[in-house]
Amino acid sequence: MYEVKVKITKEEFGKFEFLMFETESLQNWNLYENFDDKGYWLQGIFETDEEAWDSWRSAAHEVEDLAQPEIKKLEDEDWKESYKDHFKPWSIGKLHWVPQWLKGSHELEEGEEAVWLDPGMAFGTGNHATTRLCVEQLIAYKAQCRDTAEARIVDAGCGSGILAISASKLGFEKIAGFDIDGEAVRIAVENAESNQVSNTNFFVGDLGRGLSEAGADCLMANILANVLVANAEQIRNSVASGGWLILSGILGSEVEEVKAHFESMGGLRDGVITLMDEWSAIRFIKD
């Protein structure tokens, strides 16, 4: 295996972040921020030296004037563990998101809970702004929820299952998560098992199947703006009266347009926008 690694600027980080959400051509690449030196990095893992250089040329074509990368061969044990260097613990209130390999060393205060994660190379660690925006709204939903045992929580586009597992750690009992990628669902199930969470129902499905089977008192859809808009009516209809709809995966430059589109359908009120970095989320309440 070969690793391609290059230091980039914050502006370049934002451009690649957008491209990774909008295209499939960068699926072998990861972005991360080094909190020690405040640097931003683009990293890719490839099977051959030729594939590494070809993919680098494609990536460099997307964003001009990038620095030259470092390309090196990795031993098997090195590439399997390489992503761990970039997954750092984070928390909101009393809920922590911590890599599994820090069990035993990450201290929790009384009353605090941790989501232990081993996200794998291809899936989110929860460090992304869109995930954090969803978690913040989920915590706000719990604060006003009268019955966490009966409230139905749905994570549409669940990825590695972070949001659904977080819901369980927050005390919700009826939780479903689905994704079109079977590998993502497999990792979500493994993450739930490692957290000793048994009340999350993960399954493979698109929005059509997933929303029709689940139903929701709180629906989190951390997807792309164009997908949200294209499926807006079905998304709205899947939320119970009085329930919350949390939309994320939306660039800050797109959020007003997405909010206006959902409001134009009727049936939703009290739309609130939250922002983090270049990303945004919208929370609605269903009439």
C-alpha atoms as a PDB file:
ATOM      1  CA  MET A   1       0.000   0.000   0.000  1.00  0.00           C
ATOM      2  CA  TYR A   2       1.086   3.575  -0.703  1.00  0.00           C
ATOM      3  CA  GLU A   3       0.276   6.750   1.186  1.00  0.00           C
ATOM      4  CA  VAL A   4       0.007  10.156  -0.472  1.00  0.00           C
ATOM      5  CA  LYS A   5       0.175  13.023   1.991  1.00  0.00           C
ATOM      6  CA  VAL A   6       0.332  16.765   1.424  1.00  0.00           C
ATOM      7  CA  LYS A   7      -0.103  19.786   3.680  1.00  0.00           C
ATOM      8  CA  ILE A   8      -2.769  22.184   2.435  1.00  0.00           C
ATOM      9  CA  THR A   9      -4.164  25.562   3.421  1.00  0.00           C
ATOM     10  CA  LYS A  10      -7.454  26.097   5.215  1.00  0.00           C
ATOM     11  CA  GLU A  11      -8.933  27.405   1.961  1.00  0.00           C
ATOM     12  CA  GLU A  12      -7.782  24.307   0.075  1.00  0.00           C
ATOM     13  CA  PHE A  13      -9.176  22.160   2.894  1.00  0.00           C
ATOM     14  CA  GLY A  14     -12.593  23.765   2.340  1.00  0.00           C
ATOM     15  CA  LYS A  15     -12.445  23.184  -1.401  1.00  0.00           C
ATOM     16  CA  PHE A  16     -11.581  19.496  -1.010  1.00  0.00           C
ATOM     17  CA  GLU A  17     -14.232  19.116   1.670  1.00  0.00           C
ATOM     18  CA  PHE A  18     -16.850  20.368  -0.759  1.00  0.00           C
ATOM     19  CA  LEU A  19     -15.546  18.128  -3.565  1.00  0.00           C
ATOM     20  CA  MET A  20     -15.667  15.049  -1.341  1.00  0.00           C
ATOM     21  CA  PHE A  21     -19.307  15.708  -0.568  1.00  0.00           C
ATOM     22  CA  GLU A  22     -20.230  16.399  -4.183  1.00  0.00           C
ATOM     23  CA  THR A  23     -18.237  13.794  -6.157  1.00  0.00           C
ATOM     24  CA  GLU A  24     -17.104  10.166  -5.918  1.00  0.00           C
ATOM     25  CA  SER A  25     -13.713  10.763  -7.559  1.00  0.00           C
ATOM     26  CA  LEU A  26     -11.981  11.428  -4.210  1.00  0.00           C
ATOM     27  CA  GLN A  27     -13.267   8.420  -2.279  1.00  0.00           C
ATOM     28  CA  ASN A  28      -9.747   7.165  -1.456  1.00  0.00           C
ATOM     29  CA  TRP A  29      -8.823  10.454   0.174  1.00  0.00           C
ATOM     30  CA  ASN A  30      -9.153  11.720   3.739  1.00  0.00           C
ATOM     31  CA  LEU A  31      -8.966  15.233   5.136  1.00  0.00           C
ATOM     32  CA  TYR A  32      -7.832  15.970   8.647  1.00  0.00           C
ATOM     33  CA  GLU A  33      -6.715  18.806  10.849  1.00  0.00           C
ATOM     34  CA  ASN A  34      -3.637  18.333  13.003  1.00  0.00           C
ATOM     35  CA  PHE A  35      -4.597  20.014  16.262  1.00  0.00           C
ATOM     36  CA  ASP A  36      -0.988  20.028  17.477  1.00  0.00           C
ATOM     37  CA  ASP A  37       0.439  22.228  14.739  1.00  0.00           C
ATOM     38  CA  LYS A  38      -2.876  23.699  13.511  1.00  0.00           C
ATOM     39  CA  GLY A  39      -2.140  22.300  10.064  1.00  0.00           C
ATOM     40  CA  TYR A  40      -4.481  20.896   7.423  1.00  0.00           C
ATOM     41  CA  TRP A  41      -3.667  17.723   5.496  1.00  0.00           C
ATOM     42  CA  LEU A  42      -4.900  15.710   2.525  1.00  0.00           C
ATOM     43  CA  GLN A  43      -4.127  12.002   2.697  1.00  0.00           C
ATOM     44  CA  GLY A  44      -4.819   9.108   0.329  1.00  0.00           C
ATOM     45  CA  ILE A  45      -4.155   5.363   0.590  1.00  0.00           C
ATOM     46  CA  PHE A  46      -3.676   3.319  -2.600  1.00  0.00           C
ATOM     47  CA  GLU A  47      -2.682  -0.210  -3.551  1.00  0.00           C
ATOM     48  CA  THR A  48       0.073   0.693  -6.039  1.00  0.00           C
ATOM     49  CA  ASP A  49       2.524   3.501  -6.669  1.00  0.00           C
ATOM     50  CA  GLU A  50       0.987   4.058 -10.114  1.00  0.00           C
ATOM     51  CA  GLU A  51      -2.522   4.334  -8.689  1.00  0.00           C
ATOM     52  CA  ALA A  52      -1.262   6.782  -6.070  1.00  0.00           C
ATOM     53  CA  TRP A  53       0.282   9.087  -8.670  1.00  0.00           C
ATOM     54  CA  ASP A  54      -2.724   8.867 -11.007  1.00  0.00           C
ATOM     55  CA  SER A  55      -5.118   9.761  -8.205  1.00  0.00           C
ATOM     56  CA  TRP A  56      -2.847  12.574  -7.053  1.00  0.00           C
ATOM     57  CA  ARG A  57      -2.844  14.100 -10.531  1.00  0.00           C
ATOM     58  CA  SER A  58      -6.650  13.949 -10.576  1.00  0.00           C
ATOM     59  CA  ALA A  59      -6.864  15.551  -7.146  1.00  0.00           C
ATOM     60  CA  ALA A  60      -4.361  18.259  -8.065  1.00  0.00           C
ATOM     61  CA  HIS A  61      -6.425  19.036 -11.162  1.00  0.00           C
ATOM     62  CA  GLU A  62      -9.390  19.916  -8.931  1.00  0.00           C
ATOM     63  CA  VAL A  63      -7.537  22.515  -6.837  1.00  0.00           C
ATOM     64  CA  GLU A  64      -4.748  24.592  -8.358  1.00  0.00           C
ATOM     65  CA  ASP A  65      -1.287  25.340  -6.945  1.00  0.00           C
ATOM     66  CA  LEU A  66      -1.119  22.532  -4.396  1.00  0.00           C
ATOM     67  CA  ALA A  67       2.205  21.751  -2.751  1.00  0.00           C
ATOM     68  CA  GLN A  68       4.055  18.629  -3.867  1.00  0.00           C
ATOM     69  CA  PRO A  69       2.984  15.510  -1.966  1.00  0.00           C
ATOM     70  CA  GLU A  70       5.022  12.936  -0.081  1.00  0.00           C
ATOM     71  CA  ILE A  71       4.354   9.442  -1.432  1.00  0.00           C
ATOM     72  CA  LYS A  72       5.688   6.479   0.510  1.00  0.00           C
ATOM     73  CA  LYS A  73       5.171   2.743   0.717  1.00  0.00           C
ATOM     74  CA  LEU A  74       3.428   1.466   3.850  1.00  0.00           C
ATOM     75  CA  GLU A  75       3.725  -1.885   5.527  1.00  0.00           C
ATOM     76  CA  ASP A  76       0.402  -3.665   6.040  1.00  0.00           C
ATOM     77  CA  GLU A  77       0.238  -2.875   9.731  1.00  0.00           C
ATOM     78  CA  ASP A  78       1.053   0.776   9.034  1.00  0.00           C
ATOM     79  CA  TRP A  79      -1.739   1.535   6.554  1.00  0.00           C
ATOM     80  CA  LYS A  80      -4.342  -0.313   8.587  1.00  0.00           C
ATOM     81  CA  GLU A  81      -3.580   1.916  11.553  1.00  0.00           C
ATOM     82  CA  SER A  82      -2.670   5.164   9.779  1.00  0.00           C
ATOM     83  CA  TYR A  83      -6.075   6.836  10.110  1.00  0.00           C
ATOM     84  CA  LYS A  84      -5.921   6.494  13.909  1.00  0.00           C
ATOM     85  CA  ASP A  85      -3.370   9.299  14.092  1.00  0.00           C
ATOM     86  CA  HIS A  86      -6.029  11.763  12.958  1.00  0.00           C
ATOM     87  CA  PHE A  87      -9.043  10.742  15.072  1.00  0.00           C
ATOM     88  CA  LYS A  88      -9.081  12.792  18.280  1.00  0.00           C
ATOM     89  CA  PRO A  89     -11.670  12.707  21.110  1.00  0.00           C
ATOM     90  CA  TRP A  90     -14.292  15.444  21.255  1.00  0.00           C
ATOM     91  CA  SER A  91     -17.315  16.180  23.427  1.00  0.00           C
ATOM     92  CA  ILE A  92     -20.486  18.204  23.796  1.00  0.00           C
ATOM     93  CA  GLY A  93     -21.674  18.601  27.349  1.00  0.00           C
ATOM     94  CA  LYS A  94     -21.563  15.214  29.100  1.00  0.00           C
ATOM     95  CA  LEU A  95     -21.354  13.138  25.933  1.00  0.00           C
ATOM     96  CA  HIS A  96     -17.923  12.214  24.544  1.00  0.00           C
ATOM     97  CA  TRP A  97     -16.864  10.669  21.228  1.00  0.00           C
ATOM     98  CA  VAL A  98     -13.657   8.715  21.720  1.00  0.00           C
ATOM     99  CA  PRO A  99     -11.668   6.211  19.620  1.00  0.00           C
ATOM    100  CA  GLN A 100     -11.843   2.661  20.966  1.00  0.00           C
ATOM    101  CA  TRP A 101      -8.079   2.448  21.297  1.00  0.00           C
ATOM    102  CA  LEU A 102      -8.228   5.086  24.063  1.00  0.00           C
ATOM    103  CA  LYS A 103     -10.444   2.950  26.304  1.00  0.00           C
ATOM    104  CA  GLY A 104      -8.804   2.784  29.685  1.00  0.00           C
ATOM    105  CA  SER A 105      -7.001   6.098  29.301  1.00  0.00           C
ATOM    106  CA  HIS A 106      -9.793   8.551  28.466  1.00  0.00           C
ATOM    107  CA  GLU A 107     -11.276   9.704  31.752  1.00  0.00           C
ATOM    108  CA  LEU A 108     -14.999  10.323  32.210  1.00  0.00           C
ATOM    109  CA  GLU A 109     -16.530  12.278  35.053  1.00  0.00           C
ATOM    110  CA  GLU A 110     -19.523  10.986  36.984  1.00  0.00           C
ATOM    111  CA  GLY A 111     -22.673  11.149  34.845  1.00  0.00           C
ATOM    112  CA  GLU A 112     -20.771  11.360  31.552  1.00  0.00           C
ATOM    113  CA  GLU A 113     -21.131   8.908  28.665  1.00  0.00           C
ATOM    114  CA  ALA A 114     -18.811   7.999  25.806  1.00  0.00           C
ATOM    115  CA  VAL A 115     -19.435   6.796  22.283  1.00  0.00           C
ATOM    116  CA  TRP A 116     -16.466   4.502  21.539  1.00  0.00           C
ATOM    117  CA  LEU A 117     -15.680   4.436  17.845  1.00  0.00           C
ATOM    118  CA  ASP A 118     -13.449   2.657  15.384  1.00  0.00           C
ATOM    119  CA  PRO A 119     -14.744   4.283  12.192  1.00  0.00           C
ATOM    120  CA  GLY A 120     -12.455   2.624   9.646  1.00  0.00           C
ATOM    121  CA  MET A 121     -10.698   4.295   6.761  1.00  0.00           C
ATOM    122  CA  ALA A 122     -13.743   5.181   4.702  1.00  0.00           C
ATOM    123  CA  PHE A 123     -16.211   6.559   7.224  1.00  0.00           C
ATOM    124  CA  GLY A 124     -16.698   9.547   9.484  1.00  0.00           C
ATOM    125  CA  THR A 125     -15.218   9.909  12.934  1.00  0.00           C
ATOM    126  CA  GLY A 126     -17.756  12.511  13.957  1.00  0.00           C
ATOM    127  CA  ASN A 127     -15.181  15.264  13.765  1.00  0.00           C
ATOM    128  CA  HIS A 128     -16.905  16.775  10.756  1.00  0.00           C
ATOM    129  CA  ALA A 129     -18.903  19.948  11.392  1.00  0.00           C
ATOM    130  CA  THR A 130     -22.103  18.497   9.898  1.00  0.00           C
ATOM    131  CA  THR A 131     -22.087  15.644  12.422  1.00  0.00           C
ATOM    132  CA  ARG A 132     -21.485  17.979  15.330  1.00  0.00           C
ATOM    133  CA  LEU A 133     -24.300  20.259  14.205  1.00  0.00           C
ATOM    134  CA  CYS A 134     -26.665  17.269  14.187  1.00  0.00           C
ATOM    135  CA  VAL A 135     -25.537  16.165  17.650  1.00  0.00           C
ATOM    136  CA  GLU A 136     -26.143  19.628  19.068  1.00  0.00           C
ATOM    137  CA  GLN A 137     -29.712  19.591  17.762  1.00  0.00           C
ATOM    138  CA  LEU A 138     -30.265  16.022  18.996  1.00  0.00           C
ATOM    139  CA  ILE A 139     -29.236  17.115  22.496  1.00  0.00           C
ATOM    140  CA  ALA A 140     -31.624  20.084  22.210  1.00  0.00           C
ATOM    141  CA  TYR A 141     -34.409  17.711  21.139  1.00  0.00           C
ATOM    142  CA  LYS A 142     -33.821  15.540  24.195  1.00  0.00           C
ATOM    143  CA  ALA A 143     -34.076  18.577  26.480  1.00  0.00           C
ATOM    144  CA  GLN A 144     -37.692  19.119  25.428  1.00  0.00           C
ATOM    145  CA  CYS A 145     -38.677  15.478  24.788  1.00  0.00           C
ATOM    146  CA  ARG A 146     -41.339  14.205  27.181  1.00  0.00           C
ATOM    147  CA  ASP A 147     -40.708  10.486  26.662  1.00  0.00           C
ATOM    148  CA  THR A 148     -37.290   9.316  25.480  1.00  0.00           C
ATOM    149  CA  ALA A 149     -38.441   5.697  25.744  1.00  0.00           C
ATOM    150  CA  GLU A 150     -41.114   6.156  23.063  1.00  0.00           C
ATOM    151  CA  ALA A 151     -39.634   8.860  20.817  1.00  0.00           C
ATOM    152  CA  ARG A 152     -38.589   7.394  17.447  1.00  0.00           C
ATOM    153  CA  ILE A 153     -35.145   8.604  16.344  1.00  0.00           C
ATOM    154  CA  VAL A 154     -34.060   8.090  12.719  1.00  0.00           C
ATOM    155  CA  ASP A 155     -30.577   8.636  11.268  1.00  0.00           C
ATOM    156  CA  ALA A 156     -30.924   8.918   7.469  1.00  0.00           C
ATOM    157  CA  GLY A 157     -27.565   8.292   5.789  1.00  0.00           C
ATOM    158  CA  CYS A 158     -26.130   6.821   8.980  1.00  0.00           C
ATOM    159  CA  GLY A 159     -22.535   6.267   7.812  1.00  0.00           C
ATOM    160  CA  SER A 160     -20.612   4.746  10.714  1.00  0.00           C
ATOM    161  CA  GLY A 161     -23.639   5.086  13.015  1.00  0.00           C
ATOM    162  CA  ILE A 162     -22.355   7.916  15.181  1.00  0.00           C
ATOM    163  CA  LEU A 163     -25.634   9.817  15.417  1.00  0.00           C
ATOM    164  CA  ALA A 164     -27.779   6.750  16.099  1.00  0.00           C
ATOM    165  CA  ILE A 165     -25.389   5.431  18.755  1.00  0.00           C
ATOM    166  CA  SER A 166     -25.235   8.907  20.296  1.00  0.00           C
ATOM    167  CA  ALA A 167     -29.033   8.872  20.530  1.00  0.00           C
ATOM    168  CA  SER A 168     -28.862   5.627  22.496  1.00  0.00           C
ATOM    169  CA  LYS A 169     -26.238   7.051  24.853  1.00  0.00           C
ATOM    170  CA  LEU A 170     -28.532  10.035  25.416  1.00  0.00           C
ATOM    171  CA  GLY A 171     -31.279   7.696  26.627  1.00  0.00           C
ATOM    172  CA  PHE A 172     -33.466   7.197  23.552  1.00  0.00           C
ATOM    173  CA  GLU A 173     -34.675   3.627  23.046  1.00  0.00           C
ATOM    174  CA  LYS A 174     -36.310   3.463  19.608  1.00  0.00           C
ATOM    175  CA  ILE A 175     -33.591   4.203  17.053  1.00  0.00           C
ATOM    176  CA  ALA A 176     -33.176   3.342  13.375  1.00  0.00           C
ATOM    177  CA  GLY A 177     -30.368   4.177  10.969  1.00  0.00           C
ATOM    178  CA  PHE A 178     -29.996   3.410   7.277  1.00  0.00           C
ATOM    179  CA  ASP A 179     -27.535   4.030   4.463  1.00  0.00           C
ATOM    180  CA  ILE A 180     -27.286   3.098   0.780  1.00  0.00           C
ATOM    181  CA  ASP A 181     -23.760   1.749   1.402  1.00  0.00           C
ATOM    182  CA  GLY A 182     -23.735  -1.760   2.839  1.00  0.00           C
ATOM    183  CA  GLU A 183     -20.165  -1.375   4.100  1.00  0.00           C
ATOM    184  CA  ALA A 184     -21.167   1.713   6.074  1.00  0.00           C
ATOM    185  CA  VAL A 185     -24.031  -0.202   7.666  1.00  0.00           C
ATOM    186  CA  ARG A 186     -21.684  -3.082   8.551  1.00  0.00           C
ATOM    187  CA  ILE A 187     -19.353  -0.676  10.370  1.00  0.00           C
ATOM    188  CA  ALA A 188     -22.330   0.997  12.097  1.00  0.00           C
ATOM    189  CA  VAL A 189     -23.455  -2.385  13.438  1.00  0.00           C
ATOM    190  CA  GLU A 190     -19.931  -3.135  14.671  1.00  0.00           C
ATOM    191  CA  ASN A 191     -19.724   0.263  16.369  1.00  0.00           C
ATOM    192  CA  ALA A 192     -23.079  -0.348  18.094  1.00  0.00           C
ATOM    193  CA  GLU A 193     -21.927  -3.756  19.320  1.00  0.00           C
ATOM    194  CA  SER A 194     -18.654  -2.371  20.656  1.00  0.00           C
ATOM    195  CA  ASN A 195     -20.659   0.232  22.587  1.00  0.00           C
ATOM    196  CA  GLN A 196     -22.971  -2.462  23.968  1.00  0.00           C
ATOM    197  CA  VAL A 197     -25.855  -0.677  22.291  1.00  0.00           C
ATOM    198  CA  SER A 198     -28.621  -3.091  21.271  1.00  0.00           C
ATOM    199  CA  ASN A 199     -31.530  -0.749  20.507  1.00  0.00           C
ATOM    200  CA  THR A 200     -30.280   0.611  17.161  1.00  0.00           C
ATOM    201  CA  ASN A 201     -31.769  -0.946  14.041  1.00  0.00           C
ATOM    202  CA  PHE A 202     -29.336  -0.413  11.165  1.00  0.00           C
ATOM    203  CA  PHE A 203     -30.251  -1.475   7.630  1.00  0.00           C
ATOM    204  CA  VAL A 204     -29.319  -0.875   4.001  1.00  0.00           C
ATOM    205  CA  GLY A 205     -31.751   1.365   2.149  1.00  0.00           C
ATOM    206  CA  ASP A 206     -32.226   4.563   0.188  1.00  0.00           C
ATOM    207  CA  LEU A 207     -34.417   7.440   1.318  1.00  0.00           C
ATOM    208  CA  GLY A 208     -37.485   5.869  -0.266  1.00  0.00           C
ATOM    209  CA  ARG A 209     -37.264   2.616   1.638  1.00  0.00           C
ATOM    210  CA  GLY A 210     -35.650   4.008   4.751  1.00  0.00           C
ATOM    211  CA  LEU A 211     -38.154   6.768   5.406  1.00  0.00           C
ATOM    212  CA  SER A 212     -41.211   4.683   4.591  1.00  0.00           C
ATOM    213  CA  GLU A 213     -40.165   1.920   7.002  1.00  0.00           C
ATOM    214  CA  ALA A 214     -38.976   4.038   9.908  1.00  0.00           C
ATOM    215  CA  GLY A 215     -41.220   7.016  10.655  1.00  0.00           C
ATOM    216  CA  ALA A 216     -39.738   9.559  13.059  1.00  0.00           C
ATOM    217  CA  ASP A 217     -40.348  11.853  15.981  1.00  0.00           C
ATOM    218  CA  CYS A 218     -36.837  13.179  15.359  1.00  0.00           C
ATOM    219  CA  LEU A 219     -35.354  12.700  11.901  1.00  0.00           C
ATOM    220  CA  MET A 220     -31.689  13.532  11.279  1.00  0.00           C
ATOM    221  CA  ALA A 221     -30.762  13.734   7.590  1.00  0.00           C
ATOM    222  CA  ASN A 222     -27.052  14.506   7.254  1.00  0.00           C
ATOM    223  CA  ILE A 223     -26.849  14.193   3.488  1.00  0.00           C
ATOM    224  CA  LEU A 224     -26.204  16.635   0.605  1.00  0.00           C
ATOM    225  CA  ALA A 225     -28.226  19.756  -0.097  1.00  0.00           C
ATOM    226  CA  ASN A 226     -29.299  18.637  -3.577  1.00  0.00           C
ATOM    227  CA  VAL A 227     -30.458  15.256  -2.249  1.00  0.00           C
ATOM    228  CA  LEU A 228     -32.386  16.918   0.557  1.00  0.00           C
ATOM    229  CA  VAL A 229     -34.140  19.272  -1.860  1.00  0.00           C
ATOM    230  CA  ALA A 230     -34.933  16.514  -4.358  1.00  0.00           C
ATOM    231  CA  ASN A 231     -36.581  14.428  -1.608  1.00  0.00           C
ATOM    232  CA  ALA A 232     -37.988  17.269   0.472  1.00  0.00           C
ATOM    233  CA  GLU A 233     -41.651  16.241   0.399  1.00  0.00           C
ATOM    234  CA  GLN A 234     -40.968  12.650   1.399  1.00  0.00           C
ATOM    235  CA  ILE A 235     -38.587  13.788   4.134  1.00  0.00           C
ATOM    236  CA  ARG A 236     -41.177  16.190   5.552  1.00  0.00           C
ATOM    237  CA  ASN A 237     -43.955  13.607   5.411  1.00  0.00           C
ATOM    238  CA  SER A 238     -41.923  11.052   7.346  1.00  0.00           C
ATOM    239  CA  VAL A 239     -41.807  13.232  10.476  1.00  0.00           C
ATOM    240  CA  ALA A 240     -44.630  12.912  13.004  1.00  0.00           C
ATOM    241  CA  SER A 241     -46.706  15.916  14.013  1.00  0.00           C
ATOM    242  CA  GLY A 242     -44.774  17.907  16.593  1.00  0.00           C
ATOM    243  CA  GLY A 243     -41.573  16.086  15.686  1.00  0.00           C
ATOM    244  CA  TRP A 244     -38.215  17.587  14.790  1.00  0.00           C
ATOM    245  CA  LEU A 245     -36.537  17.528  11.386  1.00  0.00           C
ATOM    246  CA  ILE A 246     -32.776  18.119  11.472  1.00  0.00           C
ATOM    247  CA  LEU A 247     -31.119  18.691   8.092  1.00  0.00           C
ATOM    248  CA  SER A 248     -27.354  18.877   7.680  1.00  0.00           C
ATOM    249  CA  GLY A 249     -24.620  18.317   5.099  1.00  0.00           C
ATOM    250  CA  ILE A 250     -25.477  21.775   3.762  1.00  0.00           C
ATOM    251  CA  LEU A 251     -22.875  24.365   2.822  1.00  0.00           C
ATOM    252  CA  GLY A 252     -23.395  27.728   4.444  1.00  0.00           C
ATOM    253  CA  SER A 253     -23.754  29.281   0.985  1.00  0.00           C
ATOM    254  CA  GLU A 254     -26.705  26.945   0.253  1.00  0.00           C
ATOM    255  CA  VAL A 255     -28.563  26.975   3.531  1.00  0.00           C
ATOM    256  CA  GLU A 256     -30.976  29.863   2.919  1.00  0.00           C
ATOM    257  CA  GLU A 257     -32.077  28.311  -0.381  1.00  0.00           C
ATOM    258  CA  VAL A 258     -32.613  24.902   1.220  1.00  0.00           C
ATOM    259  CA  LYS A 259     -34.529  26.439   4.131  1.00  0.00           C
ATOM    260  CA  ALA A 260     -36.767  28.405   1.760  1.00  0.00           C
ATOM    261  CA  HIS A 261     -37.497  25.282  -0.294  1.00  0.00           C
ATOM    262  CA  PHE A 262     -38.634  23.269   2.723  1.00  0.00           C
ATOM    263  CA  GLU A 263     -40.680  26.183   4.057  1.00  0.00           C
ATOM    264  CA  SER A 264     -42.411  26.627   0.683  1.00  0.00           C
ATOM    265  CA  MET A 265     -44.023  23.179   0.985  1.00  0.00           C
ATOM    266  CA  GLY A 266     -45.824  24.083   4.184  1.00  0.00           C
ATOM    267  CA  GLY A 267     -46.205  21.845   7.209  1.00  0.00           C
ATOM    268  CA  LEU A 268     -42.955  22.935   8.863  1.00  0.00           C
ATOM    269  CA  ARG A 269     -42.374  25.796  11.284  1.00  0.00           C
ATOM    270  CA  ASP A 270     -39.744  27.444  13.470  1.00  0.00           C
ATOM    271  CA  GLY A 271     -36.839  26.871  11.081  1.00  0.00           C
ATOM    272  CA  VAL A 272     -33.535  27.596  12.824  1.00  0.00           C
ATOM    273  CA  ILE A 273     -30.140  27.698  11.087  1.00  0.00           C
ATOM    274  CA  THR A 274     -26.907  26.831  12.888  1.00  0.00           C
ATOM    275  CA  LEU A 275     -23.442  27.279  11.389  1.00  0.00           C
ATOM    276  CA  MET A 276     -20.017  25.707  11.920  1.00  0.00           C
ATOM    277  CA  ASP A 277     -17.040  26.396   9.690  1.00  0.00           C
ATOM    278  CA  GLU A 278     -18.331  26.345   6.091  1.00  0.00           C
ATOM    279  CA  TRP A 279     -21.243  24.044   6.971  1.00  0.00           C
ATOM    280  CA  SER A 280     -24.749  24.460   8.314  1.00  0.00           C
ATOM    281  CA  ALA A 281     -27.794  22.670   9.664  1.00  0.00           C
ATOM    282  CA  ILE A 282     -31.490  23.529   9.801  1.00  0.00           C
ATOM    283  CA  ARG A 283     -33.982  22.444  12.448  1.00  0.00           C
ATOM    284  CA  PHE A 284     -37.717  22.457  11.743  1.00  0.00           C
ATOM    285  CA  ILE A 285     -40.726  21.402  13.814  1.00  0.00           C
ATOM    286  CA  LYS A 286     -43.516  19.541  12.008  1.00  0.00           C
ATOM    287  CA  ASP A 287     -47.005  21.053  12.321  1.00  0.00           C
END
